Amino acid sequence: MQISIRHKLSESDAAKRIKTRISELKKEYSISGMSTKWKGSTLSFSYKGVEGEMVVSSESVDIEAKVPLLLRPFTGKAEKEIKKELKYILQV
């Protein structure tokens, strides 16, 4: 799965908003077992077999993830929801 969303924020502002929203979503949906690790402006993540990276730059947020075969039928819906959420938190 590949997702790219362009934005007009600075790299640090975009990363800060994303970090905050991830924390909120983990609490809101009681998500446990999700592994996240930030290295600079790159987030490595894994959850229930989905592994990937999110790279935040001053122009875009790019996500690349490996989705297990059994979860692939849900990829389209997941992409739609991720894009919607990113557009919301990255708006100026």
PDB file of N, CA and C in Angstrom:
ATOM      1  N   MET A   1       0.853  -1.163   0.000  1.00  0.00           N
ATOM      2  CA  MET A   1       0.000   0.000   0.000  1.00  0.00           C
ATOM      3  C   MET A   1       0.902   1.229   0.000  1.00  0.00           C
ATOM      4  N   GLN A   2       0.588   2.163  -0.866  1.00  0.00           N
ATOM      5  CA  GLN A   2       1.331   3.422  -0.919  1.00  0.00           C
ATOM      6  C   GLN A   2       0.356   4.585  -0.899  1.00  0.00           C
ATOM      7  N   ILE A   3       0.664   5.555  -0.046  1.00  0.00           N
ATOM      8  CA  ILE A   3      -0.170   6.749   0.089  1.00  0.00           C
ATOM      9  C   ILE A   3       0.762   7.957   0.124  1.00  0.00           C
ATOM     10  N   SER A   4       0.377   9.004  -0.589  1.00  0.00           N
ATOM     11  CA  SER A   4       1.136  10.251  -0.562  1.00  0.00           C
ATOM     12  C   SER A   4       0.148  11.413  -0.479  1.00  0.00           C
ATOM     13  N   ILE A   5       0.341  12.268   0.520  1.00  0.00           N
ATOM     14  CA  ILE A   5      -0.519  13.440   0.719  1.00  0.00           C
ATOM     15  C   ILE A   5       0.372  14.676   0.750  1.00  0.00           C
ATOM     16  N   ARG A   6       0.101  15.615  -0.123  1.00  0.00           N
ATOM     17  CA  ARG A   6       0.851  16.874  -0.147  1.00  0.00           C
ATOM     18  C   ARG A   6       0.274  17.823   0.906  1.00  0.00           C
ATOM     19  N   HIS A   7       1.121  18.701   1.429  1.00  0.00           N
ATOM     20  CA  HIS A   7       0.672  19.671   2.426  1.00  0.00           C
ATOM     21  C   HIS A   7       1.529  20.923   2.343  1.00  0.00           C
ATOM     22  N   LYS A   8       1.153  21.948   3.131  1.00  0.00           N
ATOM     23  CA  LYS A   8       1.859  23.231   3.105  1.00  0.00           C
ATOM     24  C   LYS A   8       2.461  23.593   4.458  1.00  0.00           C
ATOM     25  N   LEU A   9       2.592  22.612   5.338  1.00  0.00           N
ATOM     26  CA  LEU A   9       3.170  22.851   6.661  1.00  0.00           C
ATOM     27  C   LEU A   9       4.678  22.631   6.621  1.00  0.00           C
ATOM     28  N   SER A  10       5.354  23.087   7.663  1.00  0.00           N
ATOM     29  CA  SER A  10       6.767  22.745   7.789  1.00  0.00           C
ATOM     30  C   SER A  10       6.864  21.271   8.174  1.00  0.00           C
ATOM     31  N   GLU A  11       8.015  20.699   7.946  1.00  0.00           N
ATOM     32  CA  GLU A  11       8.222  19.298   8.296  1.00  0.00           C
ATOM     33  C   GLU A  11       7.954  19.052   9.777  1.00  0.00           C
ATOM     34  N   SER A  12       8.470  19.933  10.630  1.00  0.00           N
ATOM     35  CA  SER A  12       8.310  19.740  12.077  1.00  0.00           C
ATOM     36  C   SER A  12       6.858  19.905  12.513  1.00  0.00           C
ATOM     37  N   ASP A  13       6.130  20.864  11.941  1.00  0.00           N
ATOM     38  CA  ASP A  13       4.720  21.041  12.297  1.00  0.00           C
ATOM     39  C   ASP A  13       3.887  19.835  11.862  1.00  0.00           C
ATOM     40  N   ALA A  14       4.144  19.349  10.652  1.00  0.00           N
ATOM     41  CA  ALA A  14       3.404  18.180  10.156  1.00  0.00           C
ATOM     42  C   ALA A  14       3.677  16.967  11.040  1.00  0.00           C
ATOM     43  N   ALA A  15       4.947  16.727  11.379  1.00  0.00           N
ATOM     44  CA  ALA A  15       5.308  15.583  12.216  1.00  0.00           C
ATOM     45  C   ALA A  15       4.672  15.705  13.600  1.00  0.00           C
ATOM     46  N   LYS A  16       4.675  16.896  14.154  1.00  0.00           N
ATOM     47  CA  LYS A  16       4.087  17.115  15.483  1.00  0.00           C
ATOM     48  C   LYS A  16       2.589  16.802  15.476  1.00  0.00           C
ATOM     49  N   ARG A  17       1.887  17.267  14.453  1.00  0.00           N
ATOM     50  CA  ARG A  17       0.449  16.999  14.356  1.00  0.00           C
ATOM     51  C   ARG A  17       0.175  15.497  14.217  1.00  0.00           C
ATOM     52  N   ILE A  18       0.998  14.829  13.422  1.00  0.00           N
ATOM     53  CA  ILE A  18       0.815  13.394  13.220  1.00  0.00           C
ATOM     54  C   ILE A  18       1.090  12.633  14.514  1.00  0.00           C
ATOM     55  N   LYS A  19       2.168  12.979  15.213  1.00  0.00           N
ATOM     56  CA  LYS A  19       2.485  12.323  16.479  1.00  0.00           C
ATOM     57  C   LYS A  19       1.345  12.489  17.481  1.00  0.00           C
ATOM     58  N   THR A  20       0.820  13.698  17.572  1.00  0.00           N
ATOM     59  CA  THR A  20      -0.281  13.975  18.490  1.00  0.00           C
ATOM     60  C   THR A  20      -1.507  13.151  18.133  1.00  0.00           C
ATOM     61  N   ARG A  21      -1.843  13.108  16.844  1.00  0.00           N
ATOM     62  CA  ARG A  21      -3.042  12.381  16.416  1.00  0.00           C
ATOM     63  C   ARG A  21      -2.898  10.875  16.617  1.00  0.00           C
ATOM     64  N   ILE A  22      -1.720  10.342  16.386  1.00  0.00           N
ATOM     65  CA  ILE A  22      -1.500   8.913  16.617  1.00  0.00           C
ATOM     66  C   ILE A  22      -1.737   8.580  18.092  1.00  0.00           C
ATOM     67  N   SER A  23      -1.217   9.418  18.980  1.00  0.00           N
ATOM     68  CA  SER A  23      -1.431   9.205  20.423  1.00  0.00           C
ATOM     69  C   SER A  23      -2.916   9.267  20.772  1.00  0.00           C
ATOM     70  N   GLU A  24      -3.624  10.231  20.190  1.00  0.00           N
ATOM     71  CA  GLU A  24      -5.062  10.361  20.450  1.00  0.00           C
ATOM     72  C   GLU A  24      -5.823   9.120  19.969  1.00  0.00           C
ATOM     73  N   LEU A  25      -5.490   8.644  18.776  1.00  0.00           N
ATOM     74  CA  LEU A  25      -6.184   7.479  18.215  1.00  0.00           C
ATOM     75  C   LEU A  25      -5.910   6.214  19.029  1.00  0.00           C
ATOM     76  N   LYS A  26      -4.672   6.067  19.500  1.00  0.00           N
ATOM     77  CA  LYS A  26      -4.355   4.902  20.331  1.00  0.00           C
ATOM     78  C   LYS A  26      -5.216   4.886  21.588  1.00  0.00           C
ATOM     79  N   LYS A  27      -5.402   6.047  22.206  1.00  0.00           N
ATOM     80  CA  LYS A  27      -6.223   6.136  23.418  1.00  0.00           C
ATOM     81  C   LYS A  27      -7.704   5.967  23.091  1.00  0.00           C
ATOM     82  N   GLU A  28      -8.164   6.663  22.038  1.00  0.00           N
ATOM     83  CA  GLU A  28      -9.574   6.655  21.661  1.00  0.00           C
ATOM     84  C   GLU A  28     -10.074   5.248  21.330  1.00  0.00           C
ATOM     85  N   TYR A  29      -9.258   4.471  20.634  1.00  0.00           N
ATOM     86  CA  TYR A  29      -9.655   3.140  20.206  1.00  0.00           C
ATOM     87  C   TYR A  29      -9.000   2.022  21.011  1.00  0.00           C
ATOM     88  N   SER A  30      -8.359   2.377  22.117  1.00  0.00           N
ATOM     89  CA  SER A  30      -7.692   1.407  22.990  1.00  0.00           C
ATOM     90  C   SER A  30      -6.786   0.462  22.196  1.00  0.00           C
ATOM     91  N   ILE A  31      -5.960   1.045  21.341  1.00  0.00           N
ATOM     92  CA  ILE A  31      -5.057   0.261  20.501  1.00  0.00           C
ATOM     93  C   ILE A  31      -3.833  -0.124  21.324  1.00  0.00           C
ATOM     94  N   SER A  32      -3.620  -1.424  21.438  1.00  0.00           N
ATOM     95  CA  SER A  32      -2.419  -1.905  22.111  1.00  0.00           C
ATOM     96  C   SER A  32      -1.703  -2.855  21.166  1.00  0.00           C
ATOM     97  N   GLY A  33      -0.427  -3.001  21.366  1.00  0.00           N
ATOM     98  CA  GLY A  33       0.346  -3.892  20.516  1.00  0.00           C
ATOM     99  C   GLY A  33       0.854  -3.242  19.236  1.00  0.00           C
ATOM    100  N   MET A  34       0.603  -1.948  19.072  1.00  0.00           N
ATOM    101  CA  MET A  34       1.107  -1.239  17.899  1.00  0.00           C
ATOM    102  C   MET A  34       2.505  -0.737  18.204  1.00  0.00           C
ATOM    103  N   SER A  35       3.442  -1.105  17.366  1.00  0.00           N
ATOM    104  CA  SER A  35       4.819  -0.673  17.541  1.00  0.00           C
ATOM    105  C   SER A  35       5.078   0.560  16.666  1.00  0.00           C
ATOM    106  N   THR A  36       5.553   1.630  17.290  1.00  0.00           N
ATOM    107  CA  THR A  36       5.898   2.842  16.549  1.00  0.00           C
ATOM    108  C   THR A  36       7.254   3.337  17.014  1.00  0.00           C
ATOM    109  N   LYS A  37       8.059   3.774  16.064  1.00  0.00           N
ATOM    110  CA  LYS A  37       9.372   4.313  16.398  1.00  0.00           C
ATOM    111  C   LYS A  37       9.713   5.436  15.416  1.00  0.00           C
ATOM    112  N   TRP A  38       9.928   6.615  15.989  1.00  0.00           N
ATOM    113  CA  TRP A  38      10.314   7.771  15.180  1.00  0.00           C
ATOM    114  C   TRP A  38      11.826   7.870  15.118  1.00  0.00           C
ATOM    115  N   LYS A  39      12.350   8.093  13.945  1.00  0.00           N
ATOM    116  CA  LYS A  39      13.761   8.399  13.747  1.00  0.00           C
ATOM    117  C   LYS A  39      13.790   9.624  12.842  1.00  0.00           C
ATOM    118  N   GLY A  40      14.016  10.784  13.470  1.00  0.00           N
ATOM    119  CA  GLY A  40      13.907  12.028  12.721  1.00  0.00           C
ATOM    120  C   GLY A  40      12.462  12.224  12.303  1.00  0.00           C
ATOM    121  N   SER A  41      12.233  12.373  11.017  1.00  0.00           N
ATOM    122  CA  SER A  41      10.874  12.581  10.523  1.00  0.00           C
ATOM    123  C   SER A  41      10.311  11.322   9.853  1.00  0.00           C
ATOM    124  N   THR A  42      10.868  10.170  10.197  1.00  0.00           N
ATOM    125  CA  THR A  42      10.382   8.899   9.649  1.00  0.00           C
ATOM    126  C   THR A  42       9.834   8.038  10.769  1.00  0.00           C
ATOM    127  N   LEU A  43       8.607   7.584  10.579  1.00  0.00           N
ATOM    128  CA  LEU A  43       7.953   6.712  11.538  1.00  0.00           C
ATOM    129  C   LEU A  43       7.939   5.292  10.989  1.00  0.00           C
ATOM    130  N   SER A  44       8.525   4.375  11.726  1.00  0.00           N
ATOM    131  CA  SER A  44       8.405   2.949  11.403  1.00  0.00           C
ATOM    132  C   SER A  44       7.303   2.401  12.282  1.00  0.00           C
ATOM    133  N   PHE A  45       6.417   1.590  11.704  1.00  0.00           N
ATOM    134  CA  PHE A  45       5.293   1.079  12.472  1.00  0.00           C
ATOM    135  C   PHE A  45       4.982  -0.365  12.098  1.00  0.00           C
ATOM    136  N   SER A  46       4.351  -1.059  13.024  1.00  0.00           N
ATOM    137  CA  SER A  46       3.827  -2.397  12.752  1.00  0.00           C
ATOM    138  C   SER A  46       2.634  -2.634  13.665  1.00  0.00           C
ATOM    139  N   TYR A  47       1.625  -3.304  13.098  1.00  0.00           N
ATOM    140  CA  TYR A  47       0.408  -3.596  13.854  1.00  0.00           C
ATOM    141  C   TYR A  47      -0.354  -4.712  13.152  1.00  0.00           C
ATOM    142  N   LYS A  48      -0.554  -5.799  13.851  1.00  0.00           N
ATOM    143  CA  LYS A  48      -1.316  -6.941  13.341  1.00  0.00           C
ATOM    144  C   LYS A  48      -0.866  -7.390  11.947  1.00  0.00           C
ATOM    145  N   GLY A  49       0.444  -7.473  11.757  1.00  0.00           N
ATOM    146  CA  GLY A  49       0.986  -7.962  10.496  1.00  0.00           C
ATOM    147  C   GLY A  49       1.243  -6.901   9.447  1.00  0.00           C
ATOM    148  N   VAL A  50       0.748  -5.702   9.651  1.00  0.00           N
ATOM    149  CA  VAL A  50       0.995  -4.599   8.722  1.00  0.00           C
ATOM    150  C   VAL A  50       2.268  -3.892   9.186  1.00  0.00           C
ATOM    151  N   GLU A  51       3.242  -3.775   8.289  1.00  0.00           N
ATOM    152  CA  GLU A  51       4.499  -3.105   8.613  1.00  0.00           C
ATOM    153  C   GLU A  51       4.762  -2.036   7.572  1.00  0.00           C
ATOM    154  N   GLY A  52       5.335  -0.920   8.026  1.00  0.00           N
ATOM    155  CA  GLY A  52       5.632   0.116   7.057  1.00  0.00           C
ATOM    156  C   GLY A  52       6.356   1.306   7.641  1.00  0.00           C
ATOM    157  N   GLU A  53       6.470   2.318   6.794  1.00  0.00           N
ATOM    158  CA  GLU A  53       7.105   3.577   7.173  1.00  0.00           C
ATOM    159  C   GLU A  53       6.277   4.744   6.680  1.00  0.00           C
ATOM    160  N   MET A  54       6.304   5.799   7.479  1.00  0.00           N
ATOM    161  CA  MET A  54       5.703   7.070   7.105  1.00  0.00           C
ATOM    162  C   MET A  54       6.824   8.095   7.117  1.00  0.00           C
ATOM    163  N   VAL A  55       7.038   8.749   5.989  1.00  0.00           N
ATOM    164  CA  VAL A  55       8.083   9.759   5.875  1.00  0.00           C
ATOM    165  C   VAL A  55       7.413  11.124   5.759  1.00  0.00           C
ATOM    166  N   VAL A  56       7.744  12.017   6.681  1.00  0.00           N
ATOM    167  CA  VAL A  56       7.180  13.359   6.702  1.00  0.00           C
ATOM    168  C   VAL A  56       8.227  14.329   6.162  1.00  0.00           C
ATOM    169  N   SER A  57       7.852  15.097   5.151  1.00  0.00           N
ATOM    170  CA  SER A  57       8.750  16.126   4.618  1.00  0.00           C
ATOM    171  C   SER A  57       8.002  17.453   4.627  1.00  0.00           C
ATOM    172  N   SER A  58       8.665  18.496   4.168  1.00  0.00           N
ATOM    173  CA  SER A  58       8.028  19.815   4.135  1.00  0.00           C
ATOM    174  C   SER A  58       7.014  19.934   3.000  1.00  0.00           C
ATOM    175  N   GLU A  59       6.917  18.931   2.155  1.00  0.00           N
ATOM    176  CA  GLU A  59       5.982  18.973   1.035  1.00  0.00           C
ATOM    177  C   GLU A  59       4.905  17.897   1.093  1.00  0.00           C
ATOM    178  N   SER A  60       5.231  16.756   1.725  1.00  0.00           N
ATOM    179  CA  SER A  60       4.278  15.647   1.698  1.00  0.00           C
ATOM    180  C   SER A  60       4.491  14.695   2.869  1.00  0.00           C
ATOM    181  N   VAL A  61       3.503  13.836   3.015  1.00  0.00           N
ATOM    182  CA  VAL A  61       3.595  12.698   3.926  1.00  0.00           C
ATOM    183  C   VAL A  61       3.431  11.470   3.042  1.00  0.00           C
ATOM    184  N   ASP A  62       4.423  10.597   3.075  1.00  0.00           N
ATOM    185  CA  ASP A  62       4.416   9.405   2.229  1.00  0.00           C
ATOM    186  C   ASP A  62       4.427   8.161   3.099  1.00  0.00           C
ATOM    187  N   ILE A  63       3.495   7.270   2.817  1.00  0.00           N
ATOM    188  CA  ILE A  63       3.378   6.024   3.575  1.00  0.00           C
ATOM    189  C   ILE A  63       3.557   4.854   2.624  1.00  0.00           C
ATOM    190  N   GLU A  64       4.371   3.926   3.045  1.00  0.00           N
ATOM    191  CA  GLU A  64       4.511   2.667   2.324  1.00  0.00           C
ATOM    192  C   GLU A  64       4.372   1.557   3.349  1.00  0.00           C
ATOM    193  N   ALA A  65       3.454   0.626   3.075  1.00  0.00           N
ATOM    194  CA  ALA A  65       3.197  -0.445   4.033  1.00  0.00           C
ATOM    195  C   ALA A  65       3.013  -1.776   3.318  1.00  0.00           C
ATOM    196  N   LYS A  66       3.473  -2.812   3.978  1.00  0.00           N
ATOM    197  CA  LYS A  66       3.256  -4.179   3.515  1.00  0.00           C
ATOM    198  C   LYS A  66       2.031  -4.706   4.245  1.00  0.00           C
ATOM    199  N   VAL A  67       1.052  -5.152   3.462  1.00  0.00           N
ATOM    200  CA  VAL A  67      -0.201  -5.642   4.023  1.00  0.00           C
ATOM    201  C   VAL A  67      -0.290  -7.144   3.783  1.00  0.00           C
ATOM    202  N   PRO A  68      -0.543  -7.928   4.848  1.00  0.00           N
ATOM    203  CA  PRO A  68      -0.661  -9.382   4.679  1.00  0.00           C
ATOM    204  C   PRO A  68      -1.808  -9.746   3.738  1.00  0.00           C
ATOM    205  N   LEU A  69      -1.665 -10.873   3.097  1.00  0.00           N
ATOM    206  CA  LEU A  69      -2.635 -11.345   2.121  1.00  0.00           C
ATOM    207  C   LEU A  69      -4.073 -11.336   2.653  1.00  0.00           C
ATOM    208  N   LEU A  70      -4.274 -11.790   3.873  1.00  0.00           N
ATOM    209  CA  LEU A  70      -5.626 -11.862   4.430  1.00  0.00           C
ATOM    210  C   LEU A  70      -6.261 -10.495   4.670  1.00  0.00           C
ATOM    211  N   LEU A  71      -5.448  -9.455   4.798  1.00  0.00           N
ATOM    212  CA  LEU A  71      -5.985  -8.114   5.035  1.00  0.00           C
ATOM    213  C   LEU A  71      -6.117  -7.289   3.758  1.00  0.00           C
ATOM    214  N   ARG A  72      -5.610  -7.783   2.648  1.00  0.00           N
ATOM    215  CA  ARG A  72      -5.630  -7.012   1.398  1.00  0.00           C
ATOM    216  C   ARG A  72      -7.030  -6.620   0.919  1.00  0.00           C
ATOM    217  N   PRO A  73      -8.060  -7.423   1.157  1.00  0.00           N
ATOM    218  CA  PRO A  73      -9.397  -6.974   0.733  1.00  0.00           C
ATOM    219  C   PRO A  73      -9.839  -5.664   1.399  1.00  0.00           C
ATOM    220  N   PHE A  74      -9.231  -5.319   2.528  1.00  0.00           N
ATOM    221  CA  PHE A  74      -9.603  -4.105   3.264  1.00  0.00           C
ATOM    222  C   PHE A  74      -8.698  -2.916   2.949  1.00  0.00           C
ATOM    223  N   THR A  75      -7.729  -3.107   2.060  1.00  0.00           N
ATOM    224  CA  THR A  75      -6.742  -2.066   1.760  1.00  0.00           C
ATOM    225  C   THR A  75      -7.387  -0.796   1.227  1.00  0.00           C
ATOM    226  N   GLY A  76      -8.347  -0.926   0.320  1.00  0.00           N
ATOM    227  CA  GLY A  76      -8.998   0.254  -0.266  1.00  0.00           C
ATOM    228  C   GLY A  76      -9.670   1.118   0.780  1.00  0.00           C
ATOM    229  N   LYS A  77     -10.410   0.497   1.678  1.00  0.00           N
ATOM    230  CA  LYS A  77     -11.088   1.246   2.745  1.00  0.00           C
ATOM    231  C   LYS A  77     -10.067   1.885   3.685  1.00  0.00           C
ATOM    232  N   ALA A  78      -9.011   1.142   4.005  1.00  0.00           N
ATOM    233  CA  ALA A  78      -7.968   1.683   4.883  1.00  0.00           C
ATOM    234  C   ALA A  78      -7.293   2.890   4.247  1.00  0.00           C
ATOM    235  N   GLU A  79      -6.953   2.793   2.966  1.00  0.00           N
ATOM    236  CA  GLU A  79      -6.328   3.915   2.259  1.00  0.00           C
ATOM    237  C   GLU A  79      -7.231   5.141   2.289  1.00  0.00           C
ATOM    238  N   LYS A  80      -8.502   4.944   2.040  1.00  0.00           N
ATOM    239  CA  LYS A  80      -9.464   6.058   2.035  1.00  0.00           C
ATOM    240  C   LYS A  80      -9.501   6.751   3.395  1.00  0.00           C
ATOM    241  N   GLU A  81      -9.566   5.966   4.473  1.00  0.00           N
ATOM    242  CA  GLU A  81      -9.628   6.527   5.827  1.00  0.00           C
ATOM    243  C   GLU A  81      -8.322   7.221   6.221  1.00  0.00           C
ATOM    244  N   ILE A  82      -7.194   6.642   5.843  1.00  0.00           N
ATOM    245  CA  ILE A  82      -5.895   7.253   6.155  1.00  0.00           C
ATOM    246  C   ILE A  82      -5.750   8.581   5.429  1.00  0.00           C
ATOM    247  N   LYS A  83      -6.113   8.626   4.158  1.00  0.00           N
ATOM    248  CA  LYS A  83      -6.035   9.874   3.388  1.00  0.00           C
ATOM    249  C   LYS A  83      -6.935  10.940   3.996  1.00  0.00           C
ATOM    250  N   LYS A  84      -8.145  10.557   4.366  1.00  0.00           N
ATOM    251  CA  LYS A  84      -9.090  11.499   4.974  1.00  0.00           C
ATOM    252  C   LYS A  84      -8.521  12.069   6.271  1.00  0.00           C
ATOM    253  N   GLU A  85      -7.969  11.205   7.112  1.00  0.00           N
ATOM    254  CA  GLU A  85      -7.405  11.638   8.392  1.00  0.00           C
ATOM    255  C   GLU A  85      -6.198  12.550   8.187  1.00  0.00           C
ATOM    256  N   LEU A  86      -5.307  12.173   7.267  1.00  0.00           N
ATOM    257  CA  LEU A  86      -4.123  12.997   7.011  1.00  0.00           C
ATOM    258  C   LEU A  86      -4.501  14.371   6.462  1.00  0.00           C
ATOM    259  N   LYS A  87      -5.443  14.425   5.546  1.00  0.00           N
ATOM    260  CA  LYS A  87      -5.879  15.716   5.001  1.00  0.00           C
ATOM    261  C   LYS A  87      -6.434  16.596   6.106  1.00  0.00           C
ATOM    262  N   TYR A  88      -7.168  15.986   7.022  1.00  0.00           N
ATOM    263  CA  TYR A  88      -7.752  16.747   8.137  1.00  0.00           C
ATOM    264  C   TYR A  88      -6.654  17.315   9.046  1.00  0.00           C
ATOM    265  N   ILE A  89      -5.702  16.490   9.458  1.00  0.00           N
ATOM    266  CA  ILE A  89      -4.696  16.991  10.409  1.00  0.00           C
ATOM    267  C   ILE A  89      -3.622  17.853   9.761  1.00  0.00           C
ATOM    268  N   LEU A  90      -3.478  17.782   8.449  1.00  0.00           N
ATOM    269  CA  LEU A  90      -2.450  18.582   7.779  1.00  0.00           C
ATOM    270  C   LEU A  90      -2.996  19.868   7.164  1.00  0.00           C
ATOM    271  N   GLN A  91      -4.272  20.121   7.351  1.00  0.00           N
ATOM    272  CA  GLN A  91      -4.811  21.367   6.782  1.00  0.00           C
ATOM    273  C   GLN A  91      -4.239  22.580   7.505  1.00  0.00           C
ATOM    274  N   VAL A  92      -4.093  23.640   6.764  1.00  0.00           N
ATOM    275  CA  VAL A  92      -3.486  24.867   7.309  1.00  0.00           C
ATOM    276  C   VAL A  92      -4.538  25.662   8.034  1.00  0.00           C
TER     277      VAL A  92
END
